[in-house]
Amino acid sequence: MFTNFQNPITDLNRLIAAAVIDREFCALLLTNPLRAIGEGYYGEYFQFSPETQAHISTIKASSLSEFARKLSSSPPSSEVLSHHKKTTSRKRPLLSGPHYDISV
């Protein structure tokens, strides 16, 4: 089986987006993040390295906005940093993009 960990920032954004649009997925992400990652979302799967999965599994949050804050405020792994340096020359937050009110 081939596993591609080349775009962790995109998969972090996809993970949060899935939780924003689906309350059941959001609840699973908040209570059991590894299961949520493993099950994927409507046939789409998240490609995280074991290091990133371990980090995500340590996040304890009662709302999606708290989860996203903890995810983006924690020190990024070397995997994310190396990809981020390759894809941008400007400094941006780890989870850049439109800002949504994602409180659940």
C-alpha atoms as a PDB file:
ATOM      1  CA  MET A   1       0.000   0.000   0.000  1.00  0.00           C
ATOM      2  CA  PHE A   2       1.359   3.399  -0.982  1.00  0.00           C
ATOM      3  CA  THR A   3       0.885   6.227   1.489  1.00  0.00           C
ATOM      4  CA  ASN A   4       1.439   9.817   0.441  1.00  0.00           C
ATOM      5  CA  PHE A   5       2.108  12.392   3.174  1.00  0.00           C
ATOM      6  CA  GLN A   6       2.997  15.189   0.772  1.00  0.00           C
ATOM      7  CA  ASN A   7       0.327  17.749   1.640  1.00  0.00           C
ATOM      8  CA  PRO A   8      -0.432  17.742   5.378  1.00  0.00           C
ATOM      9  CA  ILE A   9      -1.732  21.333   5.370  1.00  0.00           C
ATOM     10  CA  THR A  10      -4.403  20.494   2.801  1.00  0.00           C
ATOM     11  CA  ASP A  11      -5.477  17.427   4.770  1.00  0.00           C
ATOM     12  CA  LEU A  12      -5.673  19.453   8.001  1.00  0.00           C
ATOM     13  CA  ASN A  13      -7.930  21.923   6.194  1.00  0.00           C
ATOM     14  CA  ARG A  14     -10.031  19.065   4.779  1.00  0.00           C
ATOM     15  CA  LEU A  15     -10.366  17.541   8.258  1.00  0.00           C
ATOM     16  CA  ILE A  16     -11.684  20.779   9.743  1.00  0.00           C
ATOM     17  CA  ALA A  17     -13.938  21.422   6.727  1.00  0.00           C
ATOM     18  CA  ALA A  18     -15.544  17.984   7.074  1.00  0.00           C
ATOM     19  CA  ALA A  19     -16.256  18.704  10.730  1.00  0.00           C
ATOM     20  CA  VAL A  20     -17.728  22.128   9.880  1.00  0.00           C
ATOM     21  CA  ILE A  21     -20.275  20.700   7.462  1.00  0.00           C
ATOM     22  CA  ASP A  22     -21.198  17.485   9.296  1.00  0.00           C
ATOM     23  CA  ARG A  23     -22.191  17.485  12.974  1.00  0.00           C
ATOM     24  CA  GLU A  24     -21.777  13.717  13.336  1.00  0.00           C
ATOM     25  CA  PHE A  25     -18.248  13.817  11.937  1.00  0.00           C
ATOM     26  CA  CYS A  26     -17.507  16.795  14.190  1.00  0.00           C
ATOM     27  CA  ALA A  27     -18.708  14.913  17.265  1.00  0.00           C
ATOM     28  CA  LEU A  28     -16.550  11.918  16.309  1.00  0.00           C
ATOM     29  CA  LEU A  29     -13.515  14.166  15.736  1.00  0.00           C
ATOM     30  CA  LEU A  30     -13.938  15.728  19.170  1.00  0.00           C
ATOM     31  CA  THR A  31     -14.447  12.424  20.996  1.00  0.00           C
ATOM     32  CA  ASN A  32     -12.213  10.080  19.013  1.00  0.00           C
ATOM     33  CA  PRO A  33      -9.986  11.900  16.518  1.00  0.00           C
ATOM     34  CA  LEU A  34      -8.077   8.787  15.422  1.00  0.00           C
ATOM     35  CA  ARG A  35     -11.301   6.985  14.556  1.00  0.00           C
ATOM     36  CA  ALA A  36     -12.545  10.043  12.633  1.00  0.00           C
ATOM     37  CA  ILE A  37      -9.286  10.151  10.664  1.00  0.00           C
ATOM     38  CA  GLY A  38      -9.371   6.405  10.048  1.00  0.00           C
ATOM     39  CA  GLU A  39     -12.977   6.325   8.873  1.00  0.00           C
ATOM     40  CA  GLY A  40     -12.566   9.324   6.602  1.00  0.00           C
ATOM     41  CA  TYR A  41     -15.471  11.374   5.346  1.00  0.00           C
ATOM     42  CA  TYR A  42     -17.850  10.097   2.644  1.00  0.00           C
ATOM     43  CA  GLY A  43     -15.200   8.010   0.942  1.00  0.00           C
ATOM     44  CA  GLU A  44     -12.490  10.667   1.270  1.00  0.00           C
ATOM     45  CA  TYR A  45      -9.538   9.747   3.452  1.00  0.00           C
ATOM     46  CA  PHE A  46      -7.016  11.871   5.295  1.00  0.00           C
ATOM     47  CA  GLN A  47      -3.333  11.147   4.668  1.00  0.00           C
ATOM     48  CA  PHE A  48      -1.523  12.008   7.898  1.00  0.00           C
ATOM     49  CA  SER A  49       1.827  10.674   8.980  1.00  0.00           C
ATOM     50  CA  PRO A  50       1.901   8.672  12.215  1.00  0.00           C
ATOM     51  CA  GLU A  51       3.535  11.722  13.872  1.00  0.00           C
ATOM     52  CA  THR A  52       0.671  14.018  12.846  1.00  0.00           C
ATOM     53  CA  GLN A  53      -1.963  11.457  13.829  1.00  0.00           C
ATOM     54  CA  ALA A  54      -0.344  11.124  17.245  1.00  0.00           C
ATOM     55  CA  HIS A  55      -0.405  14.894  17.656  1.00  0.00           C
ATOM     56  CA  ILE A  56      -4.066  15.167  16.607  1.00  0.00           C
ATOM     57  CA  SER A  57      -5.007  12.381  19.024  1.00  0.00           C
ATOM     58  CA  THR A  58      -3.673  14.431  21.956  1.00  0.00           C
ATOM     59  CA  ILE A  59      -6.003  17.375  21.322  1.00  0.00           C
ATOM     60  CA  LYS A  60      -8.807  17.562  23.868  1.00  0.00           C
ATOM     61  CA  ALA A  61     -11.527  20.059  22.989  1.00  0.00           C
ATOM     62  CA  SER A  62     -15.228  20.551  23.678  1.00  0.00           C
ATOM     63  CA  SER A  63     -15.936  22.473  20.458  1.00  0.00           C
ATOM     64  CA  LEU A  64     -14.631  22.494  16.931  1.00  0.00           C
ATOM     65  CA  SER A  65     -13.389  26.056  17.287  1.00  0.00           C
ATOM     66  CA  GLU A  66     -11.360  25.021  20.338  1.00  0.00           C
ATOM     67  CA  PHE A  67     -10.045  21.957  18.443  1.00  0.00           C
ATOM     68  CA  ALA A  68      -9.007  24.114  15.465  1.00  0.00           C
ATOM     69  CA  ARG A  69      -7.342  26.669  17.757  1.00  0.00           C
ATOM     70  CA  LYS A  70      -5.340  23.955  19.513  1.00  0.00           C
ATOM     71  CA  LEU A  71      -4.440  22.370  16.204  1.00  0.00           C
ATOM     72  CA  SER A  72      -3.172  25.628  14.727  1.00  0.00           C
ATOM     73  CA  SER A  73      -1.522  27.004  17.883  1.00  0.00           C
ATOM     74  CA  SER A  74       0.567  23.939  18.657  1.00  0.00           C
ATOM     75  CA  PRO A  75       4.103  23.692  17.323  1.00  0.00           C
ATOM     76  CA  PRO A  76       3.873  22.271  13.798  1.00  0.00           C
ATOM     77  CA  SER A  77       5.693  19.044  13.112  1.00  0.00           C
ATOM     78  CA  SER A  78       8.794  18.963  10.954  1.00  0.00           C
ATOM     79  CA  GLU A  79       6.640  17.314   8.255  1.00  0.00           C
ATOM     80  CA  VAL A  80       4.295  20.309   8.110  1.00  0.00           C
ATOM     81  CA  LEU A  81       7.133  22.823   8.324  1.00  0.00           C
ATOM     82  CA  SER A  82       9.078  21.287   5.455  1.00  0.00           C
ATOM     83  CA  HIS A  83       5.981  21.188   3.231  1.00  0.00           C
ATOM     84  CA  HIS A  84       5.020  24.737   4.228  1.00  0.00           C
ATOM     85  CA  LYS A  85       8.474  26.078   3.310  1.00  0.00           C
ATOM     86  CA  LYS A  86       8.236  24.426  -0.114  1.00  0.00           C
ATOM     87  CA  THR A  87       4.799  25.837  -0.920  1.00  0.00           C
ATOM     88  CA  THR A  88       5.033  29.431   0.259  1.00  0.00           C
ATOM     89  CA  SER A  89       7.517  32.200   0.759  1.00  0.00           C
ATOM     90  CA  ARG A  90       5.218  34.245   3.009  1.00  0.00           C
ATOM     91  CA  LYS A  91       4.473  33.472   6.629  1.00  0.00           C
ATOM     92  CA  ARG A  92       0.888  32.311   7.017  1.00  0.00           C
ATOM     93  CA  PRO A  93      -0.967  30.532   9.806  1.00  0.00           C
ATOM     94  CA  LEU A  94      -0.934  26.741   9.585  1.00  0.00           C
ATOM     95  CA  LEU A  95      -4.659  26.647   8.806  1.00  0.00           C
ATOM     96  CA  SER A  96      -4.966  29.676   6.580  1.00  0.00           C
ATOM     97  CA  GLY A  97      -8.058  30.491   4.615  1.00  0.00           C
ATOM     98  CA  PRO A  98     -11.477  31.984   5.208  1.00  0.00           C
ATOM     99  CA  HIS A  99     -12.454  32.417   8.827  1.00  0.00           C
ATOM    100  CA  TYR A 100     -15.684  30.722   9.819  1.00  0.00           C
ATOM    101  CA  ASP A 101     -17.571  30.652  13.063  1.00  0.00           C
ATOM    102  CA  ILE A 102     -17.186  26.952  13.717  1.00  0.00           C
ATOM    103  CA  SER A 103     -18.526  26.804  17.261  1.00  0.00           C
ATOM    104  CA  VAL A 104     -20.801  23.827  17.687  1.00  0.00           C
END
